[in-house]
Amino acid sequence: MAQGWSEFAFLVTLMAEWKSLPESRQAELCEEQNPWPLCAWVTSIKGGEVRAFRHMILYFCYPSCFERICSQGHKKKIYTAFAEQLDAELDAYRDDPSPCALDRSILDIRKVLEREHETSELDFYRDPLRRQWLPDKKPPDPANGGDSVAPQTRFWVEKTLVRGRPDREQGRHCLDPTRMSRGRGIDRNTDRMAGYSS
């Protein structure tokens, strides 16, 4: 976390606020089948709209209602990618751009996706869902109008002594310092790495 101190301060404040509540209020906030009072309360704590610990606390308390996601930005990307699957009346975030409304919409998105995929074992950070909102960056495809960028292979080149080293003087790892032609690699193996044929 880039601002770990802010997260820790939020967590300490949250716990202090919780301890100051009467037991009756704590019970109201922890209803077994209703996570939204706790969501609103945690979000109302100073910094609650931006802190990662907000997402963590809610997931720990209600793992069946909140995703294992501690990034508001990722939640917004997920919403953007899947919101079209929601009926308008189910899309809480469409009319209420609050963190809890976003969580409600993502929960409803999950329910739709569980029916579609016929399983509850879905994870937004794993395929088939991940690639729909967080695709891997791939080199542009010239056939589709992208720039021609060849994939690069990285090699580690290390200076080493050859004389007196049988493993470097012959065999598959040998170095041949006599191949200095045309300013290319210093030996046949580095030429091969650079794409030159012998």
N, C-alpha and C. Protein backbone atom coordinates (compact mmCIF):
# COMPACT_ATOMS: atom_id res chain seq x y z
N MET A 1 0.84 -1.19 0.00
CA MET A 1 0.00 0.00 0.00
C MET A 1 0.88 1.25 0.00
N ALA A 2 0.60 2.17 -0.91
CA ALA A 2 1.41 3.37 -1.01
C ALA A 2 1.26 4.25 0.22
N GLN A 3 0.09 4.28 0.83
CA GLN A 3 -0.15 5.12 2.01
C GLN A 3 -0.55 4.22 3.18
N GLY A 4 0.38 3.35 3.55
CA GLY A 4 0.12 2.41 4.63
C GLY A 4 -0.27 3.09 5.93
N TRP A 5 0.36 4.23 6.21
CA TRP A 5 0.05 4.94 7.45
C TRP A 5 -1.41 5.40 7.47
N SER A 6 -1.93 5.82 6.30
CA SER A 6 -3.33 6.26 6.23
C SER A 6 -4.28 5.09 6.46
N GLU A 7 -3.91 3.93 5.91
CA GLU A 7 -4.73 2.74 6.11
C GLU A 7 -4.74 2.34 7.59
N PHE A 8 -3.57 2.36 8.21
CA PHE A 8 -3.49 1.99 9.61
C PHE A 8 -4.27 2.98 10.48
N ALA A 9 -4.16 4.27 10.17
CA ALA A 9 -4.89 5.29 10.93
C ALA A 9 -6.40 5.08 10.78
N PHE A 10 -6.84 4.74 9.57
CA PHE A 10 -8.26 4.47 9.36
C PHE A 10 -8.71 3.27 10.18
N LEU A 11 -7.91 2.20 10.18
CA LEU A 11 -8.27 1.00 10.93
C LEU A 11 -8.36 1.28 12.42
N VAL A 12 -7.40 2.04 12.95
CA VAL A 12 -7.42 2.39 14.38
C VAL A 12 -8.66 3.22 14.70
N THR A 13 -8.96 4.21 13.86
CA THR A 13 -10.14 5.05 14.06
C THR A 13 -11.41 4.22 14.01
N LEU A 14 -11.48 3.31 13.03
CA LEU A 14 -12.64 2.45 12.88
C LEU A 14 -12.87 1.60 14.14
N MET A 15 -11.80 1.00 14.65
CA MET A 15 -11.93 0.15 15.83
C MET A 15 -12.32 0.98 17.07
N ALA A 16 -11.75 2.18 17.18
CA ALA A 16 -12.10 3.05 18.32
C ALA A 16 -13.57 3.45 18.26
N GLU A 17 -14.03 3.79 17.04
CA GLU A 17 -15.45 4.15 16.87
C GLU A 17 -16.35 2.96 17.19
N TRP A 18 -15.95 1.79 16.76
CA TRP A 18 -16.75 0.59 17.01
C TRP A 18 -16.85 0.31 18.51
N LYS A 19 -15.72 0.42 19.21
CA LYS A 19 -15.71 0.15 20.65
C LYS A 19 -16.56 1.15 21.42
N SER A 20 -16.73 2.35 20.86
CA SER A 20 -17.51 3.38 21.55
C SER A 20 -19.01 3.20 21.36
N LEU A 21 -19.41 2.32 20.44
CA LEU A 21 -20.84 2.11 20.19
C LEU A 21 -21.45 1.22 21.27
N PRO A 22 -22.70 1.47 21.66
CA PRO A 22 -23.38 0.56 22.58
C PRO A 22 -23.61 -0.79 21.90
N GLU A 23 -23.72 -1.83 22.69
CA GLU A 23 -23.88 -3.18 22.14
C GLU A 23 -25.12 -3.29 21.26
N SER A 24 -26.15 -2.57 21.61
CA SER A 24 -27.38 -2.63 20.80
C SER A 24 -27.12 -2.11 19.39
N ARG A 25 -26.32 -1.05 19.28
CA ARG A 25 -26.00 -0.48 17.97
C ARG A 25 -25.09 -1.43 17.19
N GLN A 26 -24.14 -2.02 17.88
CA GLN A 26 -23.26 -2.99 17.23
C GLN A 26 -24.09 -4.15 16.65
N ALA A 27 -25.07 -4.59 17.41
CA ALA A 27 -25.93 -5.69 16.95
C ALA A 27 -26.72 -5.27 15.71
N GLU A 28 -27.20 -4.02 15.70
CA GLU A 28 -27.93 -3.53 14.53
C GLU A 28 -27.06 -3.53 13.28
N LEU A 29 -25.78 -3.21 13.48
CA LEU A 29 -24.86 -3.11 12.35
C LEU A 29 -24.39 -4.47 11.85
N CYS A 30 -24.63 -5.50 12.62
CA CYS A 30 -24.14 -6.83 12.26
C CYS A 30 -25.27 -7.83 12.06
N GLU A 31 -26.36 -7.38 11.48
CA GLU A 31 -27.45 -8.31 11.19
C GLU A 31 -26.94 -9.35 10.21
N GLU A 32 -27.32 -10.59 10.46
CA GLU A 32 -26.74 -11.70 9.69
C GLU A 32 -27.01 -11.60 8.20
N GLN A 33 -28.21 -11.24 7.81
CA GLN A 33 -28.57 -11.24 6.40
C GLN A 33 -28.61 -9.84 5.77
N ASN A 34 -28.16 -8.84 6.50
CA ASN A 34 -28.26 -7.48 5.98
C ASN A 34 -26.93 -6.74 6.18
N PRO A 35 -26.05 -6.73 5.18
CA PRO A 35 -24.74 -6.10 5.34
C PRO A 35 -24.73 -4.59 5.15
N TRP A 36 -25.85 -4.02 4.68
CA TRP A 36 -25.81 -2.63 4.23
C TRP A 36 -25.74 -1.61 5.36
N PRO A 37 -26.32 -1.84 6.53
CA PRO A 37 -26.08 -0.88 7.62
C PRO A 37 -24.59 -0.80 8.00
N LEU A 38 -23.91 -1.95 8.05
CA LEU A 38 -22.47 -1.93 8.36
C LEU A 38 -21.70 -1.24 7.25
N CYS A 39 -22.08 -1.50 6.01
CA CYS A 39 -21.41 -0.86 4.87
C CYS A 39 -21.50 0.67 5.00
N ALA A 40 -22.70 1.17 5.27
CA ALA A 40 -22.89 2.62 5.40
C ALA A 40 -22.10 3.17 6.57
N TRP A 41 -22.08 2.43 7.68
CA TRP A 41 -21.38 2.93 8.87
C TRP A 41 -19.87 2.98 8.64
N VAL A 42 -19.30 1.89 8.10
CA VAL A 42 -17.85 1.86 7.85
C VAL A 42 -17.46 2.96 6.87
N THR A 43 -18.28 3.15 5.84
CA THR A 43 -17.98 4.17 4.83
C THR A 43 -18.06 5.57 5.41
N SER A 44 -18.89 5.75 6.45
CA SER A 44 -19.06 7.08 7.04
C SER A 44 -17.88 7.50 7.91
N ILE A 45 -17.04 6.55 8.31
CA ILE A 45 -15.85 6.90 9.10
C ILE A 45 -14.92 7.74 8.23
N LYS A 46 -14.27 8.72 8.80
CA LYS A 46 -13.41 9.62 8.02
C LYS A 46 -12.41 8.81 7.19
N GLY A 47 -12.43 9.05 5.90
CA GLY A 47 -11.56 8.32 4.98
C GLY A 47 -12.18 7.06 4.43
N GLY A 48 -13.37 6.71 4.92
CA GLY A 48 -13.99 5.45 4.54
C GLY A 48 -14.27 5.29 3.06
N GLU A 49 -14.43 6.40 2.35
CA GLU A 49 -14.75 6.29 0.92
C GLU A 49 -13.54 5.91 0.07
N VAL A 50 -12.33 6.06 0.62
CA VAL A 50 -11.14 5.81 -0.19
C VAL A 50 -10.19 4.76 0.38
N ARG A 51 -10.40 4.34 1.60
CA ARG A 51 -9.47 3.42 2.24
C ARG A 51 -9.68 1.98 1.81
N ALA A 52 -8.58 1.28 1.58
CA ALA A 52 -8.64 -0.14 1.21
C ALA A 52 -9.18 -0.99 2.35
N PHE A 53 -8.89 -0.58 3.59
CA PHE A 53 -9.37 -1.35 4.74
C PHE A 53 -10.90 -1.39 4.80
N ARG A 54 -11.55 -0.41 4.23
CA ARG A 54 -13.02 -0.45 4.18
C ARG A 54 -13.48 -1.72 3.47
N HIS A 55 -12.89 -1.96 2.30
CA HIS A 55 -13.26 -3.13 1.51
C HIS A 55 -12.92 -4.42 2.25
N MET A 56 -11.77 -4.43 2.91
CA MET A 56 -11.33 -5.64 3.62
C MET A 56 -12.27 -5.99 4.77
N ILE A 57 -12.59 -4.98 5.57
CA ILE A 57 -13.47 -5.21 6.73
C ILE A 57 -14.82 -5.75 6.28
N LEU A 58 -15.38 -5.15 5.25
CA LEU A 58 -16.70 -5.59 4.77
C LEU A 58 -16.64 -7.01 4.22
N TYR A 59 -15.56 -7.33 3.51
CA TYR A 59 -15.42 -8.69 2.99
C TYR A 59 -15.26 -9.70 4.13
N PHE A 60 -14.47 -9.36 5.13
CA PHE A 60 -14.27 -10.28 6.25
C PHE A 60 -15.58 -10.53 7.00
N CYS A 61 -16.39 -9.48 7.13
CA CYS A 61 -17.66 -9.62 7.87
C CYS A 61 -18.75 -10.29 7.05
N TYR A 62 -18.78 -10.01 5.73
CA TYR A 62 -19.83 -10.55 4.86
C TYR A 62 -19.22 -11.05 3.55
N PRO A 63 -18.48 -12.15 3.60
CA PRO A 63 -17.81 -12.62 2.37
C PRO A 63 -18.75 -13.05 1.26
N SER A 64 -20.00 -13.31 1.59
CA SER A 64 -20.95 -13.70 0.53
C SER A 64 -21.60 -12.49 -0.14
N CYS A 65 -21.35 -11.30 0.39
CA CYS A 65 -21.97 -10.08 -0.16
C CYS A 65 -20.95 -9.11 -0.77
N PHE A 66 -19.71 -9.21 -0.35
CA PHE A 66 -18.67 -8.30 -0.84
C PHE A 66 -17.56 -9.12 -1.49
N GLU A 67 -16.94 -8.54 -2.50
CA GLU A 67 -15.87 -9.22 -3.21
C GLU A 67 -14.55 -9.11 -2.45
N ARG A 68 -13.64 -10.02 -2.75
CA ARG A 68 -12.30 -9.95 -2.15
C ARG A 68 -11.45 -8.96 -2.95
N ILE A 69 -11.93 -7.75 -2.99
CA ILE A 69 -11.30 -6.67 -3.75
C ILE A 69 -11.13 -5.48 -2.83
N CYS A 70 -9.92 -4.96 -2.74
CA CYS A 70 -9.70 -3.81 -1.85
C CYS A 70 -9.36 -2.55 -2.65
N SER A 71 -9.81 -2.50 -3.90
CA SER A 71 -9.56 -1.34 -4.75
C SER A 71 -10.88 -0.81 -5.29
N GLN A 72 -11.19 0.43 -4.95
CA GLN A 72 -12.39 1.07 -5.49
C GLN A 72 -12.29 1.19 -7.01
N GLY A 73 -11.07 1.44 -7.50
CA GLY A 73 -10.87 1.55 -8.94
C GLY A 73 -11.19 0.25 -9.66
N HIS A 74 -10.78 -0.87 -9.08
CA HIS A 74 -11.09 -2.16 -9.70
C HIS A 74 -12.59 -2.43 -9.67
N LYS A 75 -13.23 -2.07 -8.59
CA LYS A 75 -14.68 -2.27 -8.52
C LYS A 75 -15.40 -1.45 -9.59
N LYS A 76 -14.93 -0.24 -9.83
CA LYS A 76 -15.55 0.59 -10.86
C LYS A 76 -15.33 -0.01 -12.25
N LYS A 77 -14.15 -0.57 -12.49
CA LYS A 77 -13.89 -1.21 -13.78
C LYS A 77 -14.79 -2.43 -13.98
N ILE A 78 -14.96 -3.20 -12.91
CA ILE A 78 -15.84 -4.37 -12.99
C ILE A 78 -17.26 -3.93 -13.29
N TYR A 79 -17.71 -2.89 -12.59
CA TYR A 79 -19.06 -2.37 -12.83
C TYR A 79 -19.22 -1.94 -14.28
N THR A 80 -18.24 -1.18 -14.79
CA THR A 80 -18.32 -0.69 -16.17
C THR A 80 -18.39 -1.85 -17.17
N ALA A 81 -17.63 -2.92 -16.90
CA ALA A 81 -17.58 -4.05 -17.83
C ALA A 81 -18.86 -4.88 -17.82
N PHE A 82 -19.55 -4.95 -16.67
CA PHE A 82 -20.68 -5.88 -16.55
C PHE A 82 -22.03 -5.21 -16.30
N ALA A 83 -22.08 -3.90 -16.14
CA ALA A 83 -23.33 -3.24 -15.75
C ALA A 83 -24.46 -3.47 -16.74
N GLU A 84 -24.13 -3.66 -18.01
CA GLU A 84 -25.18 -3.84 -19.01
C GLU A 84 -25.99 -5.12 -18.76
N GLN A 85 -25.48 -6.02 -17.94
CA GLN A 85 -26.21 -7.25 -17.64
C GLN A 85 -27.28 -7.04 -16.57
N LEU A 86 -27.28 -5.87 -15.93
CA LEU A 86 -28.25 -5.59 -14.87
C LEU A 86 -29.50 -4.93 -15.43
N ASP A 87 -30.64 -5.32 -14.90
CA ASP A 87 -31.86 -4.56 -15.18
C ASP A 87 -31.73 -3.21 -14.49
N ALA A 88 -32.33 -2.20 -15.07
CA ALA A 88 -32.19 -0.84 -14.54
C ALA A 88 -32.60 -0.74 -13.08
N GLU A 89 -33.66 -1.46 -12.69
CA GLU A 89 -34.12 -1.37 -11.30
C GLU A 89 -33.19 -2.06 -10.32
N LEU A 90 -32.30 -2.92 -10.83
CA LEU A 90 -31.35 -3.60 -9.96
C LEU A 90 -30.02 -2.86 -9.86
N ASP A 91 -29.84 -1.84 -10.69
CA ASP A 91 -28.55 -1.15 -10.75
C ASP A 91 -28.53 0.03 -9.77
N ALA A 92 -28.17 -0.25 -8.52
CA ALA A 92 -28.15 0.78 -7.49
C ALA A 92 -27.16 1.89 -7.81
N TYR A 93 -26.03 1.53 -8.40
CA TYR A 93 -24.96 2.50 -8.64
C TYR A 93 -25.29 3.48 -9.75
N ARG A 94 -26.21 3.12 -10.62
CA ARG A 94 -26.56 4.00 -11.74
C ARG A 94 -27.11 5.33 -11.24
N ASP A 95 -27.93 5.30 -10.18
CA ASP A 95 -28.55 6.52 -9.67
C ASP A 95 -27.91 7.03 -8.39
N ASP A 96 -27.00 6.22 -7.80
CA ASP A 96 -26.39 6.60 -6.52
C ASP A 96 -24.90 6.24 -6.57
N PRO A 97 -24.07 7.20 -6.97
CA PRO A 97 -22.64 6.90 -7.13
C PRO A 97 -21.88 6.87 -5.80
N SER A 98 -22.38 6.08 -4.85
CA SER A 98 -21.72 5.95 -3.56
C SER A 98 -21.01 4.59 -3.48
N PRO A 99 -20.03 4.43 -2.60
CA PRO A 99 -19.33 3.14 -2.48
C PRO A 99 -20.26 1.98 -2.17
N CYS A 100 -21.23 2.18 -1.29
CA CYS A 100 -22.14 1.09 -0.95
C CYS A 100 -23.06 0.72 -2.11
N ALA A 101 -23.48 1.71 -2.89
CA ALA A 101 -24.31 1.43 -4.06
C ALA A 101 -23.50 0.65 -5.09
N LEU A 102 -22.21 0.97 -5.22
CA LEU A 102 -21.34 0.23 -6.12
C LEU A 102 -21.24 -1.23 -5.67
N ASP A 103 -21.08 -1.45 -4.37
CA ASP A 103 -21.02 -2.82 -3.84
C ASP A 103 -22.34 -3.56 -4.09
N ARG A 104 -23.46 -2.88 -3.95
CA ARG A 104 -24.76 -3.50 -4.22
C ARG A 104 -24.85 -3.95 -5.68
N SER A 105 -24.44 -3.07 -6.58
CA SER A 105 -24.52 -3.40 -8.00
C SER A 105 -23.60 -4.56 -8.35
N ILE A 106 -22.41 -4.57 -7.77
CA ILE A 106 -21.49 -5.67 -8.05
C ILE A 106 -22.04 -6.99 -7.51
N LEU A 107 -22.70 -6.96 -6.35
CA LEU A 107 -23.34 -8.16 -5.82
C LEU A 107 -24.42 -8.66 -6.78
N ASP A 108 -25.21 -7.74 -7.31
CA ASP A 108 -26.25 -8.13 -8.26
C ASP A 108 -25.65 -8.63 -9.57
N ILE A 109 -24.53 -8.03 -9.98
CA ILE A 109 -23.82 -8.53 -11.16
C ILE A 109 -23.35 -9.96 -10.91
N ARG A 110 -22.80 -10.21 -9.74
CA ARG A 110 -22.36 -11.57 -9.40
C ARG A 110 -23.51 -12.57 -9.51
N LYS A 111 -24.67 -12.21 -8.99
CA LYS A 111 -25.82 -13.12 -9.04
C LYS A 111 -26.19 -13.46 -10.49
N VAL A 112 -26.15 -12.44 -11.36
CA VAL A 112 -26.45 -12.67 -12.77
C VAL A 112 -25.41 -13.60 -13.38
N LEU A 113 -24.13 -13.36 -13.08
CA LEU A 113 -23.05 -14.18 -13.65
C LEU A 113 -23.09 -15.60 -13.11
N GLU A 114 -23.48 -15.78 -11.86
CA GLU A 114 -23.59 -17.13 -11.30
C GLU A 114 -24.66 -17.93 -12.02
N ARG A 115 -25.76 -17.27 -12.36
CA ARG A 115 -26.81 -17.96 -13.12
C ARG A 115 -26.32 -18.28 -14.53
N GLU A 116 -25.63 -17.32 -15.12
CA GLU A 116 -25.15 -17.50 -16.49
C GLU A 116 -24.13 -18.64 -16.58
N HIS A 117 -23.22 -18.70 -15.62
CA HIS A 117 -22.16 -19.72 -15.64
C HIS A 117 -22.53 -20.98 -14.86
N GLU A 118 -23.69 -20.95 -14.23
CA GLU A 118 -24.19 -22.10 -13.46
C GLU A 118 -23.22 -22.56 -12.38
N THR A 119 -22.62 -21.59 -11.71
CA THR A 119 -21.73 -21.89 -10.59
C THR A 119 -21.58 -20.65 -9.72
N SER A 120 -21.35 -20.88 -8.43
CA SER A 120 -21.07 -19.76 -7.52
C SER A 120 -19.56 -19.59 -7.33
N GLU A 121 -18.79 -20.49 -7.93
CA GLU A 121 -17.33 -20.44 -7.79
C GLU A 121 -16.73 -19.51 -8.85
N LEU A 122 -17.09 -18.26 -8.76
CA LEU A 122 -16.57 -17.25 -9.69
C LEU A 122 -15.70 -16.26 -8.95
N ASP A 123 -14.66 -15.80 -9.62
CA ASP A 123 -13.73 -14.85 -9.03
C ASP A 123 -13.40 -13.81 -10.09
N PHE A 124 -13.59 -12.54 -9.78
CA PHE A 124 -13.33 -11.49 -10.76
C PHE A 124 -11.86 -11.38 -11.13
N TYR A 125 -10.97 -11.98 -10.34
CA TYR A 125 -9.55 -11.95 -10.65
C TYR A 125 -9.09 -13.19 -11.40
N ARG A 126 -10.03 -14.05 -11.75
CA ARG A 126 -9.70 -15.25 -12.51
C ARG A 126 -10.62 -15.35 -13.72
N ASP A 127 -10.10 -15.98 -14.76
CA ASP A 127 -10.93 -16.19 -15.94
C ASP A 127 -12.03 -17.20 -15.62
N PRO A 128 -13.20 -17.07 -16.24
CA PRO A 128 -13.47 -16.28 -17.45
C PRO A 128 -13.84 -14.82 -17.20
N LEU A 129 -13.93 -14.38 -15.93
CA LEU A 129 -14.36 -13.01 -15.67
C LEU A 129 -13.23 -12.00 -15.83
N ARG A 130 -12.03 -12.35 -15.41
CA ARG A 130 -10.93 -11.39 -15.38
C ARG A 130 -10.69 -10.75 -16.74
N ARG A 131 -10.63 -11.56 -17.78
CA ARG A 131 -10.29 -11.01 -19.09
C ARG A 131 -11.35 -10.06 -19.63
N GLN A 132 -12.54 -10.07 -19.03
CA GLN A 132 -13.61 -9.19 -19.51
C GLN A 132 -13.50 -7.78 -18.95
N TRP A 133 -12.79 -7.62 -17.83
CA TRP A 133 -12.65 -6.27 -17.27
C TRP A 133 -11.19 -5.86 -17.07
N LEU A 134 -10.26 -6.83 -17.06
CA LEU A 134 -8.84 -6.52 -16.85
C LEU A 134 -8.01 -7.35 -17.83
N PRO A 135 -8.15 -7.07 -19.13
CA PRO A 135 -7.44 -7.89 -20.12
C PRO A 135 -5.94 -7.69 -20.04
N ASP A 136 -5.21 -8.75 -20.38
CA ASP A 136 -3.75 -8.65 -20.43
C ASP A 136 -3.35 -7.75 -21.58
N LYS A 137 -2.28 -6.99 -21.37
CA LYS A 137 -1.77 -6.14 -22.44
C LYS A 137 -0.95 -7.02 -23.38
N LYS A 138 -1.32 -7.00 -24.66
CA LYS A 138 -0.60 -7.80 -25.65
C LYS A 138 0.00 -6.87 -26.70
N PRO A 139 1.07 -7.33 -27.37
CA PRO A 139 1.64 -6.50 -28.43
C PRO A 139 0.59 -6.22 -29.50
N PRO A 140 0.57 -5.00 -30.06
CA PRO A 140 -0.40 -4.68 -31.11
C PRO A 140 -0.29 -5.66 -32.28
N ASP A 141 -1.40 -5.97 -32.89
CA ASP A 141 -1.45 -6.90 -34.01
C ASP A 141 -1.47 -6.12 -35.32
N PRO A 142 -0.39 -6.20 -36.14
CA PRO A 142 -0.36 -5.45 -37.40
C PRO A 142 -1.54 -5.79 -38.30
N ALA A 143 -2.04 -7.03 -38.24
CA ALA A 143 -3.16 -7.43 -39.09
C ALA A 143 -4.42 -6.65 -38.76
N ASN A 144 -4.51 -6.14 -37.51
CA ASN A 144 -5.69 -5.37 -37.10
C ASN A 144 -5.39 -3.87 -37.03
N GLY A 145 -4.35 -3.44 -37.72
CA GLY A 145 -4.05 -2.01 -37.77
C GLY A 145 -3.13 -1.52 -36.67
N GLY A 146 -2.60 -2.44 -35.84
CA GLY A 146 -1.68 -2.03 -34.78
C GLY A 146 -0.26 -1.89 -35.31
N ASP A 147 0.60 -1.28 -34.52
CA ASP A 147 2.00 -1.16 -34.91
C ASP A 147 2.64 -2.54 -34.86
N SER A 148 3.61 -2.73 -35.72
CA SER A 148 4.31 -4.00 -35.74
C SER A 148 5.40 -3.99 -34.67
N VAL A 149 5.15 -4.67 -33.58
CA VAL A 149 6.11 -4.75 -32.49
C VAL A 149 6.39 -6.22 -32.24
N ALA A 150 7.61 -6.64 -32.56
CA ALA A 150 7.95 -8.04 -32.37
C ALA A 150 8.14 -8.31 -30.88
N PRO A 151 7.65 -9.45 -30.39
CA PRO A 151 7.87 -9.78 -28.99
C PRO A 151 9.36 -9.94 -28.72
N GLN A 152 9.82 -9.46 -27.60
CA GLN A 152 11.23 -9.49 -27.28
C GLN A 152 11.53 -10.57 -26.27
N THR A 153 12.68 -11.24 -26.50
CA THR A 153 13.17 -12.22 -25.54
C THR A 153 14.36 -11.61 -24.83
N ARG A 154 14.40 -11.71 -23.53
CA ARG A 154 15.50 -11.12 -22.77
C ARG A 154 16.56 -12.18 -22.49
N PHE A 155 17.81 -11.75 -22.54
CA PHE A 155 18.94 -12.63 -22.25
C PHE A 155 19.84 -11.96 -21.24
N TRP A 156 20.51 -12.77 -20.45
CA TRP A 156 21.50 -12.26 -19.51
C TRP A 156 22.87 -12.50 -20.11
N VAL A 157 23.63 -11.44 -20.35
CA VAL A 157 24.97 -11.55 -20.91
C VAL A 157 25.95 -11.18 -19.81
N GLU A 158 26.91 -12.08 -19.59
CA GLU A 158 27.84 -11.88 -18.48
C GLU A 158 29.27 -12.03 -18.98
N LYS A 159 30.13 -11.12 -18.53
CA LYS A 159 31.55 -11.22 -18.87
C LYS A 159 32.15 -12.35 -18.08
N THR A 160 32.98 -13.16 -18.76
CA THR A 160 33.58 -14.30 -18.06
C THR A 160 34.96 -14.59 -18.62
N LEU A 161 35.80 -15.24 -17.84
CA LEU A 161 37.11 -15.69 -18.29
C LEU A 161 36.94 -17.00 -19.05
N VAL A 162 37.69 -17.13 -20.16
CA VAL A 162 37.58 -18.33 -20.98
C VAL A 162 38.81 -19.22 -20.82
N ARG A 163 40.00 -18.61 -20.88
CA ARG A 163 41.23 -19.39 -20.84
C ARG A 163 41.32 -20.20 -19.54
N GLY A 164 41.60 -21.49 -19.72
CA GLY A 164 41.72 -22.36 -18.55
C GLY A 164 40.38 -22.88 -18.05
N ARG A 165 39.29 -22.57 -18.76
CA ARG A 165 37.95 -23.05 -18.38
C ARG A 165 37.44 -23.98 -19.47
N PRO A 166 37.64 -25.30 -19.32
CA PRO A 166 37.21 -26.24 -20.37
C PRO A 166 35.74 -26.09 -20.73
N ASP A 167 34.91 -25.77 -19.73
CA ASP A 167 33.47 -25.63 -20.03
C ASP A 167 33.18 -24.41 -20.88
N ARG A 168 34.12 -23.45 -20.94
CA ARG A 168 33.94 -22.26 -21.76
C ARG A 168 34.71 -22.35 -23.09
N GLU A 169 35.71 -23.23 -23.13
CA GLU A 169 36.52 -23.36 -24.33
C GLU A 169 35.91 -24.32 -25.35
N GLN A 170 35.07 -25.25 -24.89
CA GLN A 170 34.43 -26.20 -25.79
C GLN A 170 33.09 -26.64 -25.22
N GLY A 171 32.30 -27.27 -26.05
CA GLY A 171 30.99 -27.72 -25.60
C GLY A 171 29.90 -26.70 -25.91
N ARG A 172 28.70 -26.98 -25.41
CA ARG A 172 27.55 -26.15 -25.79
C ARG A 172 27.58 -24.75 -25.18
N HIS A 173 28.39 -24.52 -24.14
CA HIS A 173 28.46 -23.18 -23.53
C HIS A 173 29.76 -22.46 -23.88
N CYS A 174 30.44 -22.94 -24.93
CA CYS A 174 31.74 -22.35 -25.24
C CYS A 174 31.58 -20.92 -25.76
N LEU A 175 32.63 -20.14 -25.57
CA LEU A 175 32.69 -18.78 -26.08
C LEU A 175 33.79 -18.73 -27.13
N ASP A 176 33.51 -18.11 -28.26
CA ASP A 176 34.44 -18.05 -29.37
C ASP A 176 34.76 -16.59 -29.68
N PRO A 177 35.78 -16.03 -29.01
CA PRO A 177 36.08 -14.61 -29.19
C PRO A 177 36.65 -14.27 -30.56
N THR A 178 36.83 -15.28 -31.43
CA THR A 178 37.36 -14.99 -32.76
C THR A 178 36.29 -14.46 -33.70
N ARG A 179 35.00 -14.59 -33.32
CA ARG A 179 33.92 -14.14 -34.21
C ARG A 179 33.56 -12.69 -33.90
N MET A 180 34.27 -11.76 -34.47
CA MET A 180 34.01 -10.35 -34.25
C MET A 180 33.59 -9.68 -35.56
N SER A 181 33.22 -10.46 -36.56
CA SER A 181 32.98 -9.91 -37.89
C SER A 181 31.76 -9.00 -37.94
N ARG A 182 31.85 -7.99 -38.74
CA ARG A 182 30.75 -7.07 -39.05
C ARG A 182 30.12 -6.44 -37.82
N GLY A 183 30.87 -6.33 -36.71
CA GLY A 183 30.37 -5.64 -35.53
C GLY A 183 29.24 -6.35 -34.84
N ARG A 184 29.09 -7.66 -35.09
CA ARG A 184 28.00 -8.39 -34.46
C ARG A 184 28.45 -8.91 -33.10
N GLY A 185 27.82 -9.96 -32.63
CA GLY A 185 28.13 -10.50 -31.33
C GLY A 185 29.57 -10.96 -31.22
N ILE A 186 30.05 -11.13 -30.00
CA ILE A 186 31.45 -11.48 -29.81
C ILE A 186 31.71 -12.96 -30.01
N ASP A 187 30.70 -13.77 -30.14
CA ASP A 187 30.90 -15.19 -30.36
C ASP A 187 29.66 -15.78 -31.02
N ARG A 188 29.76 -17.05 -31.41
CA ARG A 188 28.66 -17.66 -32.16
C ARG A 188 27.39 -17.78 -31.33
N ASN A 189 27.52 -17.92 -30.01
CA ASN A 189 26.32 -18.05 -29.17
C ASN A 189 25.59 -16.73 -29.01
N THR A 190 26.37 -15.63 -28.86
CA THR A 190 25.67 -14.34 -28.76
C THR A 190 25.08 -13.95 -30.10
N ASP A 191 25.75 -14.36 -31.22
CA ASP A 191 25.14 -14.14 -32.53
C ASP A 191 23.80 -14.86 -32.61
N ARG A 192 23.75 -16.09 -32.11
CA ARG A 192 22.51 -16.86 -32.16
C ARG A 192 21.43 -16.18 -31.33
N MET A 193 21.82 -15.65 -30.15
CA MET A 193 20.84 -14.95 -29.32
C MET A 193 20.30 -13.71 -30.02
N ALA A 194 21.17 -13.04 -30.79
CA ALA A 194 20.76 -11.82 -31.48
C ALA A 194 19.97 -12.11 -32.74
N GLY A 195 19.89 -13.41 -33.12
CA GLY A 195 19.10 -13.76 -34.27
C GLY A 195 19.90 -13.96 -35.54
N TYR A 196 21.24 -13.98 -35.43
CA TYR A 196 22.06 -14.22 -36.60
C TYR A 196 22.34 -15.71 -36.73
N SER A 197 22.34 -16.20 -37.97
CA SER A 197 22.65 -17.61 -38.18
C SER A 197 24.15 -17.77 -38.38
N SER A 198 24.66 -18.96 -38.09
CA SER A 198 26.09 -19.23 -38.23
C SER A 198 26.42 -19.43 -39.70
